């Protein structure tokens, strides 16, 4: 969510941990192998959601690519 809209809602800030970076590297490698690399920040967001079993709420098509290699990614397009 972009600033200033993010200020209108209450969110819990989650910071990446080492296992998030490790999973992000793994996801990036898988995406590269299928010819669909995406920006690193999107991969990190996806890895954090996967590790915490929470949904990514986005219309960004980059997350569709992540679902191709990580089918357990919960993606909501709102």
Protein backbone atom coordinates (compact mmCIF):
# COMPACT_ATOMS: atom_id res chain seq x y z
CA UNK A 1 0.00 0.00 0.00
CA UNK A 2 1.28 3.42 -0.93
CA UNK A 3 1.79 6.38 1.38
CA UNK A 4 -0.42 8.24 2.47
CA UNK A 5 -3.18 5.62 2.07
CA UNK A 6 -1.28 3.36 4.44
CA UNK A 7 -1.77 5.89 7.21
CA UNK A 8 -5.55 5.55 6.93
CA UNK A 9 -5.50 1.91 8.01
CA UNK A 10 -3.96 0.06 10.90
CA UNK A 11 -1.22 -2.36 9.91
CA UNK A 12 1.32 -4.42 11.75
CA UNK A 13 4.80 -3.79 10.39
CA UNK A 14 6.65 -7.02 9.66
CA UNK A 15 10.38 -7.01 9.08
CA UNK A 16 12.13 -9.71 7.02
CA UNK A 17 14.18 -12.36 8.77
CA UNK A 18 17.01 -14.48 7.41
CA UNK A 19 14.64 -17.32 6.43
CA UNK A 20 12.63 -14.82 4.36
CA UNK A 21 15.76 -13.85 2.40
CA UNK A 22 16.69 -17.50 1.92
CA UNK A 23 13.25 -18.36 0.58
CA UNK A 24 13.31 -15.26 -1.64
CA UNK A 25 16.56 -16.44 -3.22
CA UNK A 26 15.02 -19.85 -3.85
CA UNK A 27 11.91 -18.31 -5.41
CA UNK A 28 14.04 -15.99 -7.57
CA UNK A 29 16.01 -18.96 -8.87
CA UNK A 30 12.80 -20.83 -9.74
CA UNK A 31 11.37 -17.78 -11.52
CA UNK A 32 14.61 -17.33 -13.47
CA UNK A 33 14.47 -20.96 -14.61
CA UNK A 34 10.98 -20.52 -16.05
CA UNK A 35 11.95 -17.21 -17.68
CA UNK A 36 9.87 -14.98 -15.41
CA UNK A 37 12.19 -12.98 -13.16
CA UNK A 38 10.48 -10.27 -11.10
CA UNK A 39 11.75 -7.41 -8.89
CA UNK A 40 13.52 -8.51 -5.73
CA UNK A 41 11.16 -6.59 -3.44
CA UNK A 42 8.16 -8.48 -4.81
CA UNK A 43 9.95 -11.77 -4.26
CA UNK A 44 10.79 -10.77 -0.69
CA UNK A 45 7.18 -9.75 0.01
CA UNK A 46 5.98 -13.10 -1.33
CA UNK A 47 8.53 -15.05 0.71
CA UNK A 48 7.51 -13.22 3.89
CA UNK A 49 3.85 -14.00 3.22
CA UNK A 50 4.62 -17.65 2.48
CA UNK A 51 6.72 -18.08 5.63
CA UNK A 52 3.98 -16.53 7.76
CA UNK A 53 1.07 -18.20 5.91
CA UNK A 54 -0.60 -14.85 5.26
CA UNK A 55 -2.16 -13.44 2.09
CA UNK A 56 -0.65 -10.97 -0.33
CA UNK A 57 -3.31 -8.45 -1.34
CA UNK A 58 -2.24 -7.04 -4.68
CA UNK A 59 -3.22 -6.68 -8.32
CA UNK A 60 0.47 -6.79 -9.29
CA UNK A 61 0.97 -9.52 -11.90
CA UNK A 62 4.41 -10.33 -10.50
CA UNK A 63 2.71 -12.30 -7.73
CA UNK A 64 0.93 -14.44 -10.35
CA UNK A 65 4.40 -15.55 -11.47
CA UNK A 66 5.31 -16.42 -7.88
CA UNK A 67 2.19 -18.59 -7.66
CA UNK A 68 3.47 -20.57 -10.63
CA UNK A 69 6.49 -21.71 -8.61
CA UNK A 70 5.01 -21.50 -5.09
CA UNK A 71 1.42 -22.74 -5.33
CA UNK A 72 0.81 -22.24 -1.61
CA UNK A 73 1.03 -18.43 -1.97
CA UNK A 74 -2.30 -16.95 -0.93
CA UNK A 75 -3.04 -14.12 -3.37
CA UNK A 76 -6.06 -11.84 -3.09
CA UNK A 77 -6.70 -9.27 -5.81
CA UNK A 78 -8.70 -6.47 -4.19
